[in-house]
C-alpha atoms as a PDB file:
ATOM      1  CA  MET A   1     113.998  80.956  93.468  1.00  0.00           C
ATOM      2  CA  ARG A   2     114.332  81.993  97.090  1.00  0.00           C
ATOM      3  CA  VAL A   3     115.760  85.447  97.767  1.00  0.00           C
ATOM      4  CA  GLY A   4     116.392  87.658 100.771  1.00  0.00           C
ATOM      5  CA  VAL A   5     116.204  86.244 104.302  1.00  0.00           C
ATOM      6  CA  LEU A   6     114.670  82.976 103.064  1.00  0.00           C
ATOM      7  CA  ALA A   7     117.634  82.273 100.767  1.00  0.00           C
ATOM      8  CA  LYS A   8     120.124  83.173 103.493  1.00  0.00           C
ATOM      9  CA  GLY A   9     118.498  80.839 106.018  1.00  0.00           C
ATOM     10  CA  LEU A  10     117.747  83.767 108.321  1.00  0.00           C
ATOM     11  CA  LEU A  11     113.966  83.365 108.430  1.00  0.00           C
ATOM     12  CA  LEU A  12     112.688  84.164 111.913  1.00  0.00           C
ATOM     13  CA  HIS A  13     110.066  81.959 113.586  1.00  0.00           C
ATOM     14  CA  GLU A  14     107.222  84.507 113.453  1.00  0.00           C
ATOM     15  CA  ARG A  15     108.209  86.189 110.179  1.00  0.00           C
ATOM     16  CA  LEU A  16     106.184  84.693 107.346  1.00  0.00           C
ATOM     17  CA  ASP A  17     106.690  87.349 104.670  1.00  0.00           C
ATOM     18  CA  VAL A  18     109.214  86.174 102.084  1.00  0.00           C
ATOM     19  CA  ASP A  19     110.198  87.082  98.540  1.00  0.00           C
ATOM     20  CA  LEU A  20     110.084  84.568  95.705  1.00  0.00           C
ATOM     21  CA  VAL A  21     111.400  85.040  92.181  1.00  0.00           C
ATOM     22  CA  VAL A  22     110.093  83.104  89.187  1.00  0.00           C
ATOM     23  CA  LEU A  23     112.644  82.647  86.416  1.00  0.00           C
ATOM     24  CA  CYS A  24     111.360  82.579  82.817  1.00  0.00           C
ATOM     25  CA  HIS A  25     113.084  81.809  79.536  1.00  0.00           C
ATOM     26  CA  ASP A  26     111.207  84.609  77.756  1.00  0.00           C
ATOM     27  CA  LYS A  27     109.908  87.907  79.090  1.00  0.00           C
ATOM     28  CA  PRO A  28     106.598  87.102  80.809  1.00  0.00           C
ATOM     29  CA  THR A  29     103.447  88.265  79.069  1.00  0.00           C
ATOM     30  CA  ARG A  30     100.387  89.569  80.870  1.00  0.00           C
ATOM     31  CA  MET A  31      98.650  86.261  80.059  1.00  0.00           C
ATOM     32  CA  LEU A  32     101.470  84.229  81.635  1.00  0.00           C
ATOM     33  CA  THR A  33     101.558  86.520  84.664  1.00  0.00           C
ATOM     34  CA  ASP A  34      97.801  86.060  85.158  1.00  0.00           C
ATOM     35  CA  ARG A  35      98.093  82.292  84.728  1.00  0.00           C
ATOM     36  CA  VAL A  36     100.779  82.045  87.407  1.00  0.00           C
ATOM     37  CA  ALA A  37      98.648  84.171  89.752  1.00  0.00           C
ATOM     38  CA  ASP A  38      95.660  81.878  89.113  1.00  0.00           C
ATOM     39  CA  LEU A  39      97.655  78.676  89.718  1.00  0.00           C
ATOM     40  CA  LEU A  40      99.739  79.818  92.690  1.00  0.00           C
ATOM     41  CA  PRO A  41      97.016  79.544  95.398  1.00  0.00           C
ATOM     42  CA  ALA A  42      96.364  75.877  94.551  1.00  0.00           C
ATOM     43  CA  HIS A  43     100.076  75.088  94.835  1.00  0.00           C
ATOM     44  CA  LEU A  44     100.380  76.986  98.118  1.00  0.00           C
ATOM     45  CA  ALA A  45      97.393  75.022  99.480  1.00  0.00           C
ATOM     46  CA  LYS A  46      99.321  71.779  98.916  1.00  0.00           C
ATOM     47  CA  VAL A  47     102.100  72.832 101.283  1.00  0.00           C
ATOM     48  CA  THR A  48     100.293  74.927 103.904  1.00  0.00           C
ATOM     49  CA  GLU A  49      96.856  75.542 105.370  1.00  0.00           C
ATOM     50  CA  GLU A  50      97.675  79.239 105.733  1.00  0.00           C
ATOM     51  CA  LYS A  51      95.677  81.619 103.546  1.00  0.00           C
ATOM     52  CA  TYR A  52      97.381  84.012 101.152  1.00  0.00           C
ATOM     53  CA  GLU A  53      96.184  86.826  98.927  1.00  0.00           C
ATOM     54  CA  ILE A  54      98.033  87.039  95.612  1.00  0.00           C
ATOM     55  CA  LYS A  55      98.230  90.494  94.044  1.00  0.00           C
ATOM     56  CA  VAL A  56      99.642  90.855  90.533  1.00  0.00           C
ATOM     57  CA  VAL A  57     101.884  93.869  89.930  1.00  0.00           C
ATOM     58  CA  TYR A  58     102.218  94.115  86.155  1.00  0.00           C
ATOM     59  CA  GLU A  59     105.033  96.664  86.254  1.00  0.00           C
ATOM     60  CA  GLY A  60     107.996  94.321  86.501  1.00  0.00           C
ATOM     61  CA  SER A  61     105.772  91.224  86.293  1.00  0.00           C
ATOM     62  CA  CYS A  62     105.766  90.534  89.998  1.00  0.00           C
ATOM     63  CA  TYR A  63     103.404  89.283  92.679  1.00  0.00           C
ATOM     64  CA  GLU A  64     102.720  90.433  96.194  1.00  0.00           C
ATOM     65  CA  ASN A  65     101.790  87.656  98.608  1.00  0.00           C
ATOM     66  CA  HIS A  66      99.960  88.671 101.742  1.00  0.00           C
ATOM     67  CA  HIS A  67      99.726  86.144 104.566  1.00  0.00           C
ATOM     68  CA  TYR A  68      96.700  86.162 106.844  1.00  0.00           C
ATOM     69  CA  HIS A  69      97.322  84.997 110.430  1.00  0.00           C
END
């Protein structure tokens, strides 16, 4: 799910930092969180040549994506 400036269509040309939310039926486990973090780079590679670092933040089951220019 897109949130923030990406969801509002206000993404600026040079701004590449966006927030994404993954919706789950059940509360995500640590194993599921790790699996998503492992699979996400391969899916990002299908849509962009840009390189990203995925950092798992277990408190709140979230991910930080860092774009490298």
